[in-house]
Amino acid sequence: MTQQRSWGDLKKLQYSMKLHGELHELYEKLCELTVVAERKKLRMVIENPATQPHYLTTYWCIKPTVIDKDRTDDGDYYKKPTQYFFIGFKPSFNLVMEPLDFVETRTIGNTKATETTSRQVERSMMHPQYARRFIKKYILPASNMKKG
């Protein structure tokens, strides 16, 4: 990374160990949460980037159920490929027949922090239209779709 250009090997190794420790902790928490959901028969959707290489794609035993290669097709800010893991249920795969409102596309590299959120939070935000369409497409049963 550019900000590490002037770092010595020792500092880079220590930073690498810190990041690996955080990754291990988060992976463990995700596995624990998924075990609880499976045991209690809870429904859960996990959303994560689908870029390669990726920790969940490489090491996790559960395969993504849906991979959305272009989120702008359903009205999101970002094109970024995203994988979704459906735990405790199968997605509906409903056809959503409603017009899309125009949403200006953003790029991850140009994302800036705001007064209330960090750059990382801003990059993770999804447009409400995308969230609504996701719920209609994958979460709601087909019988609810006829009611609008």
N, C-alpha and C. Protein backbone atom coordinates (compact mmCIF):
# COMPACT_ATOMS: atom_id res chain seq x y z
N MET A 1 0.84 -1.18 0.00
CA MET A 1 0.00 0.00 0.00
C MET A 1 0.88 1.24 0.00
N THR A 2 0.39 2.28 -0.61
CA THR A 2 1.15 3.52 -0.75
C THR A 2 1.60 4.08 0.59
N GLN A 3 0.71 4.07 1.58
CA GLN A 3 1.06 4.66 2.88
C GLN A 3 2.13 3.83 3.61
N GLN A 4 2.40 2.61 3.17
CA GLN A 4 3.40 1.77 3.81
C GLN A 4 4.76 1.82 3.10
N ARG A 5 4.87 2.63 2.08
CA ARG A 5 6.09 2.67 1.27
C ARG A 5 7.34 2.95 2.11
N SER A 6 7.23 3.81 3.09
CA SER A 6 8.39 4.18 3.90
C SER A 6 8.56 3.28 5.13
N TRP A 7 7.65 2.35 5.36
CA TRP A 7 7.73 1.47 6.53
C TRP A 7 8.84 0.45 6.33
N GLY A 8 9.47 0.07 7.42
CA GLY A 8 10.43 -1.03 7.40
C GLY A 8 9.70 -2.37 7.48
N ASP A 9 10.42 -3.44 7.24
CA ASP A 9 9.81 -4.78 7.25
C ASP A 9 9.19 -5.11 8.61
N LEU A 10 9.85 -4.73 9.69
CA LEU A 10 9.33 -5.03 11.03
C LEU A 10 7.96 -4.38 11.24
N LYS A 11 7.83 -3.12 10.88
CA LYS A 11 6.54 -2.43 11.04
C LYS A 11 5.47 -3.06 10.15
N LYS A 12 5.84 -3.43 8.93
CA LYS A 12 4.89 -4.08 8.01
C LYS A 12 4.43 -5.42 8.57
N LEU A 13 5.36 -6.20 9.13
CA LEU A 13 5.00 -7.50 9.71
C LEU A 13 4.07 -7.35 10.91
N GLN A 14 4.37 -6.37 11.76
CA GLN A 14 3.51 -6.14 12.93
C GLN A 14 2.11 -5.70 12.50
N TYR A 15 2.03 -4.85 11.51
CA TYR A 15 0.75 -4.40 10.99
C TYR A 15 -0.01 -5.58 10.37
N SER A 16 0.71 -6.42 9.64
CA SER A 16 0.11 -7.60 9.01
C SER A 16 -0.45 -8.55 10.07
N MET A 17 0.28 -8.75 11.16
CA MET A 17 -0.21 -9.62 12.23
C MET A 17 -1.47 -9.04 12.88
N LYS A 18 -1.50 -7.72 13.05
CA LYS A 18 -2.67 -7.06 13.63
C LYS A 18 -3.90 -7.27 12.73
N LEU A 19 -3.71 -7.07 11.42
CA LEU A 19 -4.82 -7.26 10.48
C LEU A 19 -5.29 -8.71 10.47
N HIS A 20 -4.35 -9.64 10.50
CA HIS A 20 -4.71 -11.06 10.50
C HIS A 20 -5.49 -11.42 11.77
N GLY A 21 -5.09 -10.85 12.90
CA GLY A 21 -5.82 -11.09 14.15
C GLY A 21 -7.25 -10.58 14.07
N GLU A 22 -7.44 -9.39 13.49
CA GLU A 22 -8.79 -8.83 13.33
C GLU A 22 -9.62 -9.69 12.38
N LEU A 23 -9.00 -10.14 11.29
CA LEU A 23 -9.70 -10.99 10.33
C LEU A 23 -10.12 -12.30 10.98
N HIS A 24 -9.22 -12.89 11.76
CA HIS A 24 -9.53 -14.14 12.46
C HIS A 24 -10.72 -13.95 13.41
N GLU A 25 -10.68 -12.86 14.17
CA GLU A 25 -11.76 -12.58 15.13
C GLU A 25 -13.10 -12.41 14.41
N LEU A 26 -13.12 -11.66 13.32
CA LEU A 26 -14.37 -11.44 12.59
C LEU A 26 -14.87 -12.73 11.94
N TYR A 27 -13.97 -13.53 11.40
CA TYR A 27 -14.35 -14.81 10.80
C TYR A 27 -14.95 -15.74 11.86
N GLU A 28 -14.34 -15.76 13.03
CA GLU A 28 -14.84 -16.59 14.13
C GLU A 28 -16.25 -16.14 14.55
N LYS A 29 -16.46 -14.82 14.66
CA LYS A 29 -17.78 -14.27 15.03
C LYS A 29 -18.82 -14.63 13.97
N LEU A 30 -18.44 -14.52 12.71
CA LEU A 30 -19.38 -14.88 11.63
C LEU A 30 -19.76 -16.35 11.71
N CYS A 31 -18.79 -17.20 11.95
CA CYS A 31 -19.07 -18.64 12.08
C CYS A 31 -19.98 -18.91 13.29
N GLU A 32 -19.70 -18.26 14.41
CA GLU A 32 -20.53 -18.43 15.61
C GLU A 32 -21.96 -17.98 15.34
N LEU A 33 -22.13 -16.84 14.70
CA LEU A 33 -23.46 -16.32 14.37
C LEU A 33 -24.20 -17.29 13.45
N THR A 34 -23.50 -17.83 12.48
CA THR A 34 -24.12 -18.77 11.54
C THR A 34 -24.50 -20.07 12.23
N VAL A 35 -23.68 -20.55 13.14
CA VAL A 35 -24.01 -21.77 13.90
C VAL A 35 -25.28 -21.54 14.73
N VAL A 36 -25.38 -20.38 15.38
CA VAL A 36 -26.58 -20.06 16.17
C VAL A 36 -27.81 -20.02 15.25
N ALA A 37 -27.69 -19.35 14.11
CA ALA A 37 -28.82 -19.26 13.17
C ALA A 37 -29.25 -20.65 12.70
N GLU A 38 -28.29 -21.50 12.38
CA GLU A 38 -28.61 -22.87 11.94
C GLU A 38 -29.30 -23.66 13.05
N ARG A 39 -28.76 -23.60 14.25
CA ARG A 39 -29.32 -24.38 15.37
C ARG A 39 -30.71 -23.89 15.76
N LYS A 40 -30.93 -22.59 15.73
CA LYS A 40 -32.21 -22.01 16.13
C LYS A 40 -33.19 -21.91 14.96
N LYS A 41 -32.75 -22.36 13.79
CA LYS A 41 -33.58 -22.32 12.57
C LYS A 41 -33.99 -20.88 12.23
N LEU A 42 -33.04 -19.96 12.37
CA LEU A 42 -33.27 -18.55 12.03
C LEU A 42 -32.92 -18.31 10.57
N ARG A 43 -33.58 -17.34 9.98
CA ARG A 43 -33.28 -16.94 8.61
C ARG A 43 -32.30 -15.77 8.64
N MET A 44 -31.26 -15.85 7.82
CA MET A 44 -30.24 -14.82 7.84
C MET A 44 -29.65 -14.68 6.44
N VAL A 45 -29.35 -13.44 6.05
CA VAL A 45 -28.67 -13.17 4.80
C VAL A 45 -27.36 -12.45 5.14
N ILE A 46 -26.27 -12.97 4.60
CA ILE A 46 -24.96 -12.35 4.79
C ILE A 46 -24.54 -11.75 3.46
N GLU A 47 -24.18 -10.48 3.48
CA GLU A 47 -23.75 -9.77 2.27
C GLU A 47 -22.27 -9.48 2.38
N ASN A 48 -21.52 -9.76 1.31
CA ASN A 48 -20.08 -9.54 1.33
C ASN A 48 -19.57 -9.35 -0.09
N PRO A 49 -18.44 -8.63 -0.26
CA PRO A 49 -17.90 -8.45 -1.62
C PRO A 49 -17.61 -9.79 -2.29
N ALA A 50 -17.77 -9.83 -3.60
CA ALA A 50 -17.54 -11.06 -4.36
C ALA A 50 -16.27 -10.98 -5.19
N THR A 51 -15.36 -10.12 -4.81
CA THR A 51 -14.11 -9.99 -5.53
C THR A 51 -13.17 -11.14 -5.16
N GLN A 52 -12.24 -11.44 -6.05
CA GLN A 52 -11.29 -12.51 -5.80
C GLN A 52 -9.90 -11.93 -5.63
N PRO A 53 -9.03 -12.47 -4.79
CA PRO A 53 -9.37 -13.49 -3.81
C PRO A 53 -10.12 -12.89 -2.63
N HIS A 54 -10.97 -13.67 -2.03
CA HIS A 54 -11.75 -13.20 -0.89
C HIS A 54 -11.77 -14.30 0.16
N TYR A 55 -11.67 -13.91 1.41
CA TYR A 55 -11.56 -14.87 2.51
C TYR A 55 -12.74 -15.84 2.55
N LEU A 56 -13.96 -15.32 2.44
CA LEU A 56 -15.13 -16.22 2.51
C LEU A 56 -15.20 -17.13 1.29
N THR A 57 -14.87 -16.61 0.13
CA THR A 57 -14.91 -17.42 -1.08
C THR A 57 -13.85 -18.52 -1.02
N THR A 58 -12.70 -18.21 -0.44
CA THR A 58 -11.59 -19.16 -0.40
C THR A 58 -11.72 -20.18 0.72
N TYR A 59 -12.11 -19.75 1.93
CA TYR A 59 -12.02 -20.62 3.10
C TYR A 59 -13.34 -21.09 3.69
N TRP A 60 -14.42 -20.38 3.46
CA TRP A 60 -15.66 -20.74 4.15
C TRP A 60 -16.31 -21.94 3.48
N CYS A 61 -16.91 -22.80 4.27
CA CYS A 61 -17.51 -24.02 3.73
C CYS A 61 -18.87 -23.76 3.07
N ILE A 62 -19.47 -22.63 3.34
CA ILE A 62 -20.77 -22.30 2.75
C ILE A 62 -20.55 -21.48 1.48
N LYS A 63 -21.19 -21.90 0.42
CA LYS A 63 -21.04 -21.21 -0.86
C LYS A 63 -22.12 -20.13 -0.97
N PRO A 64 -21.82 -19.03 -1.66
CA PRO A 64 -22.83 -17.98 -1.82
C PRO A 64 -24.02 -18.50 -2.64
N THR A 65 -25.20 -18.09 -2.26
CA THR A 65 -26.41 -18.50 -2.95
C THR A 65 -26.67 -17.61 -4.16
N VAL A 66 -26.40 -16.33 -4.02
CA VAL A 66 -26.61 -15.34 -5.08
C VAL A 66 -25.36 -14.49 -5.21
N ILE A 67 -24.92 -14.26 -6.44
CA ILE A 67 -23.84 -13.32 -6.69
C ILE A 67 -24.40 -12.26 -7.64
N ASP A 68 -24.44 -11.03 -7.17
CA ASP A 68 -24.91 -9.90 -7.96
C ASP A 68 -23.68 -9.22 -8.54
N LYS A 69 -23.48 -9.38 -9.84
CA LYS A 69 -22.27 -8.84 -10.47
C LYS A 69 -22.36 -7.34 -10.73
N ASP A 70 -23.57 -6.81 -10.86
CA ASP A 70 -23.74 -5.38 -11.13
C ASP A 70 -24.96 -4.86 -10.37
N ARG A 71 -24.72 -4.28 -9.21
CA ARG A 71 -25.82 -3.82 -8.36
C ARG A 71 -26.56 -2.63 -8.97
N THR A 72 -25.95 -1.92 -9.91
CA THR A 72 -26.65 -0.78 -10.54
C THR A 72 -27.84 -1.25 -11.36
N ASP A 73 -27.86 -2.52 -11.78
CA ASP A 73 -29.01 -3.06 -12.53
C ASP A 73 -30.29 -3.02 -11.70
N ASP A 74 -30.15 -3.02 -10.38
CA ASP A 74 -31.32 -2.96 -9.49
C ASP A 74 -31.37 -1.65 -8.71
N GLY A 75 -30.69 -0.62 -9.23
CA GLY A 75 -30.84 0.72 -8.66
C GLY A 75 -29.91 1.07 -7.52
N ASP A 76 -28.71 0.50 -7.47
CA ASP A 76 -27.76 0.85 -6.42
C ASP A 76 -26.77 1.91 -6.91
N TYR A 77 -26.03 2.48 -5.98
CA TYR A 77 -25.01 3.47 -6.31
C TYR A 77 -23.80 2.83 -7.00
N TYR A 78 -23.47 1.61 -6.60
CA TYR A 78 -22.22 0.98 -7.00
C TYR A 78 -22.45 -0.26 -7.85
N LYS A 79 -21.53 -0.47 -8.79
CA LYS A 79 -21.58 -1.65 -9.64
C LYS A 79 -21.00 -2.87 -8.93
N LYS A 80 -20.28 -2.67 -7.86
CA LYS A 80 -19.46 -3.69 -7.20
C LYS A 80 -20.12 -5.06 -7.09
N PRO A 81 -19.39 -6.13 -7.47
CA PRO A 81 -19.95 -7.48 -7.34
C PRO A 81 -20.09 -7.85 -5.86
N THR A 82 -21.23 -8.43 -5.54
CA THR A 82 -21.55 -8.75 -4.15
C THR A 82 -22.10 -10.17 -4.07
N GLN A 83 -21.64 -10.91 -3.06
CA GLN A 83 -22.15 -12.26 -2.85
C GLN A 83 -23.08 -12.27 -1.63
N TYR A 84 -24.12 -13.07 -1.72
CA TYR A 84 -25.10 -13.18 -0.65
C TYR A 84 -25.20 -14.64 -0.23
N PHE A 85 -25.10 -14.87 1.07
CA PHE A 85 -25.25 -16.20 1.63
C PHE A 85 -26.60 -16.24 2.33
N PHE A 86 -27.48 -17.12 1.90
CA PHE A 86 -28.79 -17.28 2.52
C PHE A 86 -28.71 -18.45 3.49
N ILE A 87 -28.90 -18.16 4.76
CA ILE A 87 -28.79 -19.16 5.81
C ILE A 87 -30.20 -19.44 6.35
N GLY A 88 -30.58 -20.72 6.36
CA GLY A 88 -31.87 -21.12 6.93
C GLY A 88 -33.05 -21.01 5.98
N PHE A 89 -32.82 -20.58 4.75
CA PHE A 89 -33.90 -20.53 3.76
C PHE A 89 -33.30 -20.33 2.38
N LYS A 90 -34.12 -20.57 1.37
CA LYS A 90 -33.70 -20.38 -0.01
C LYS A 90 -34.32 -19.09 -0.54
N PRO A 91 -33.61 -18.34 -1.36
CA PRO A 91 -34.18 -17.11 -1.92
C PRO A 91 -35.36 -17.41 -2.84
N SER A 92 -36.24 -16.44 -2.98
CA SER A 92 -37.46 -16.62 -3.78
C SER A 92 -37.23 -16.51 -5.28
N PHE A 93 -36.30 -15.68 -5.72
CA PHE A 93 -36.06 -15.39 -7.13
C PHE A 93 -37.32 -14.90 -7.83
N ASN A 94 -38.00 -13.92 -7.20
CA ASN A 94 -39.18 -13.31 -7.80
C ASN A 94 -38.77 -12.35 -8.91
N LEU A 95 -39.65 -12.16 -9.86
CA LEU A 95 -39.46 -11.19 -10.91
C LEU A 95 -40.07 -9.87 -10.43
N VAL A 96 -39.28 -8.82 -10.36
CA VAL A 96 -39.75 -7.53 -9.88
C VAL A 96 -40.05 -6.66 -11.09
N MET A 97 -41.33 -6.38 -11.28
CA MET A 97 -41.78 -5.61 -12.45
C MET A 97 -42.18 -4.20 -12.01
N GLU A 98 -41.20 -3.36 -11.80
CA GLU A 98 -41.46 -1.98 -11.47
C GLU A 98 -40.33 -1.13 -12.04
N PRO A 99 -40.63 0.09 -12.42
CA PRO A 99 -39.59 0.93 -13.02
C PRO A 99 -38.52 1.31 -12.00
N LEU A 100 -37.31 1.50 -12.51
CA LEU A 100 -36.20 1.93 -11.67
C LEU A 100 -36.08 3.45 -11.73
N ASP A 101 -35.89 4.07 -10.58
CA ASP A 101 -35.56 5.49 -10.55
C ASP A 101 -34.09 5.63 -10.89
N PHE A 102 -33.72 6.71 -11.54
CA PHE A 102 -32.32 6.94 -11.87
C PHE A 102 -31.51 7.17 -10.60
N VAL A 103 -30.40 6.47 -10.49
CA VAL A 103 -29.48 6.64 -9.37
C VAL A 103 -28.10 6.89 -9.98
N GLU A 104 -27.49 8.00 -9.60
CA GLU A 104 -26.18 8.31 -10.14
C GLU A 104 -25.16 7.31 -9.60
N THR A 105 -24.41 6.71 -10.51
CA THR A 105 -23.42 5.72 -10.14
C THR A 105 -22.23 6.38 -9.46
N ARG A 106 -21.75 5.73 -8.41
CA ARG A 106 -20.57 6.21 -7.69
C ARG A 106 -19.44 5.20 -7.89
N THR A 107 -18.22 5.67 -7.73
CA THR A 107 -17.08 4.76 -7.79
C THR A 107 -16.46 4.70 -6.39
N ILE A 108 -15.98 3.52 -6.04
CA ILE A 108 -15.40 3.30 -4.71
C ILE A 108 -14.23 4.26 -4.48
N GLY A 109 -13.39 4.44 -5.50
CA GLY A 109 -12.20 5.28 -5.35
C GLY A 109 -12.51 6.74 -5.07
N ASN A 110 -13.69 7.22 -5.50
CA ASN A 110 -14.06 8.62 -5.30
C ASN A 110 -14.95 8.85 -4.09
N THR A 111 -15.18 7.80 -3.29
CA THR A 111 -16.04 7.92 -2.12
C THR A 111 -15.33 8.76 -1.06
N LYS A 112 -16.06 9.70 -0.49
CA LYS A 112 -15.49 10.60 0.52
C LYS A 112 -16.30 10.49 1.82
N ALA A 113 -15.63 10.74 2.92
CA ALA A 113 -16.31 10.76 4.22
C ALA A 113 -17.23 11.98 4.26
N THR A 114 -18.30 11.86 5.02
CA THR A 114 -19.23 12.98 5.23
C THR A 114 -19.13 13.42 6.68
N GLU A 115 -19.96 14.38 7.04
CA GLU A 115 -19.96 14.85 8.43
C GLU A 115 -20.34 13.74 9.41
N THR A 116 -21.21 12.83 8.97
CA THR A 116 -21.73 11.81 9.88
C THR A 116 -21.18 10.40 9.66
N THR A 117 -20.53 10.15 8.51
CA THR A 117 -20.04 8.79 8.24
C THR A 117 -18.62 8.81 7.69
N SER A 118 -17.91 7.71 7.94
CA SER A 118 -16.55 7.56 7.42
C SER A 118 -16.61 7.14 5.96
N ARG A 119 -15.47 7.16 5.31
CA ARG A 119 -15.38 6.73 3.91
C ARG A 119 -15.77 5.26 3.79
N GLN A 120 -15.33 4.45 4.76
CA GLN A 120 -15.65 3.02 4.74
C GLN A 120 -17.15 2.78 4.86
N VAL A 121 -17.81 3.54 5.73
CA VAL A 121 -19.26 3.42 5.89
C VAL A 121 -19.97 3.86 4.60
N GLU A 122 -19.53 4.97 4.04
CA GLU A 122 -20.13 5.47 2.79
C GLU A 122 -20.04 4.42 1.68
N ARG A 123 -18.89 3.73 1.58
CA ARG A 123 -18.71 2.70 0.55
C ARG A 123 -19.65 1.52 0.77
N SER A 124 -20.03 1.28 2.01
CA SER A 124 -20.88 0.14 2.34
C SER A 124 -22.37 0.43 2.21
N MET A 125 -22.73 1.69 2.07
CA MET A 125 -24.14 2.06 1.99
C MET A 125 -24.76 1.53 0.70
N MET A 126 -26.00 1.07 0.81
CA MET A 126 -26.72 0.66 -0.39
C MET A 126 -27.92 1.60 -0.55
N HIS A 127 -28.27 1.85 -1.78
CA HIS A 127 -29.40 2.74 -2.07
C HIS A 127 -30.69 2.08 -1.59
N PRO A 128 -31.61 2.84 -1.00
CA PRO A 128 -32.88 2.26 -0.53
C PRO A 128 -33.65 1.52 -1.63
N GLN A 129 -33.56 2.00 -2.86
CA GLN A 129 -34.24 1.33 -3.98
C GLN A 129 -33.66 -0.08 -4.17
N TYR A 130 -32.35 -0.21 -4.09
CA TYR A 130 -31.71 -1.53 -4.23
C TYR A 130 -32.16 -2.44 -3.09
N ALA A 131 -32.19 -1.92 -1.88
CA ALA A 131 -32.61 -2.72 -0.72
C ALA A 131 -34.06 -3.21 -0.89
N ARG A 132 -34.95 -2.31 -1.33
CA ARG A 132 -36.35 -2.67 -1.55
C ARG A 132 -36.48 -3.77 -2.60
N ARG A 133 -35.77 -3.59 -3.71
CA ARG A 133 -35.84 -4.58 -4.79
C ARG A 133 -35.23 -5.92 -4.35
N PHE A 134 -34.16 -5.87 -3.57
CA PHE A 134 -33.55 -7.10 -3.06
C PHE A 134 -34.56 -7.88 -2.21
N ILE A 135 -35.23 -7.18 -1.33
CA ILE A 135 -36.22 -7.83 -0.46
C ILE A 135 -37.35 -8.42 -1.30
N LYS A 136 -37.85 -7.67 -2.27
CA LYS A 136 -38.93 -8.18 -3.12
C LYS A 136 -38.48 -9.36 -3.97
N LYS A 137 -37.26 -9.29 -4.46
CA LYS A 137 -36.75 -10.32 -5.37
C LYS A 137 -36.40 -11.61 -4.65
N TYR A 138 -35.76 -11.50 -3.46
CA TYR A 138 -35.20 -12.70 -2.83
C TYR A 138 -35.82 -13.09 -1.50
N ILE A 139 -36.40 -12.16 -0.76
CA ILE A 139 -36.86 -12.46 0.60
C ILE A 139 -38.35 -12.77 0.66
N LEU A 140 -39.17 -11.91 0.06
CA LEU A 140 -40.63 -12.11 0.13
C LEU A 140 -41.05 -13.33 -0.66
N PRO A 141 -42.01 -14.09 -0.13
CA PRO A 141 -42.53 -15.22 -0.90
C PRO A 141 -43.29 -14.72 -2.14
N ALA A 142 -43.38 -15.55 -3.15
CA ALA A 142 -44.03 -15.17 -4.41
C ALA A 142 -45.47 -14.72 -4.20
N SER A 143 -46.16 -15.27 -3.22
CA SER A 143 -47.56 -14.89 -2.97
C SER A 143 -47.70 -13.43 -2.59
N ASN A 144 -46.70 -12.83 -1.94
CA ASN A 144 -46.75 -11.40 -1.57
C ASN A 144 -46.52 -10.49 -2.75
N MET A 145 -45.93 -10.98 -3.81
CA MET A 145 -45.57 -10.14 -4.95
C MET A 145 -46.79 -9.64 -5.71
N LYS A 146 -47.87 -10.41 -5.72
CA LYS A 146 -49.08 -10.02 -6.46
C LYS A 146 -49.77 -8.84 -5.81
N LYS A 147 -49.57 -8.67 -4.49
CA LYS A 147 -50.23 -7.60 -3.76
C LYS A 147 -49.50 -6.26 -3.93
N GLY A 148 -48.25 -6.29 -4.45
CA GLY A 148 -47.49 -5.06 -4.65
C GLY A 148 -46.73 -4.76 -3.46
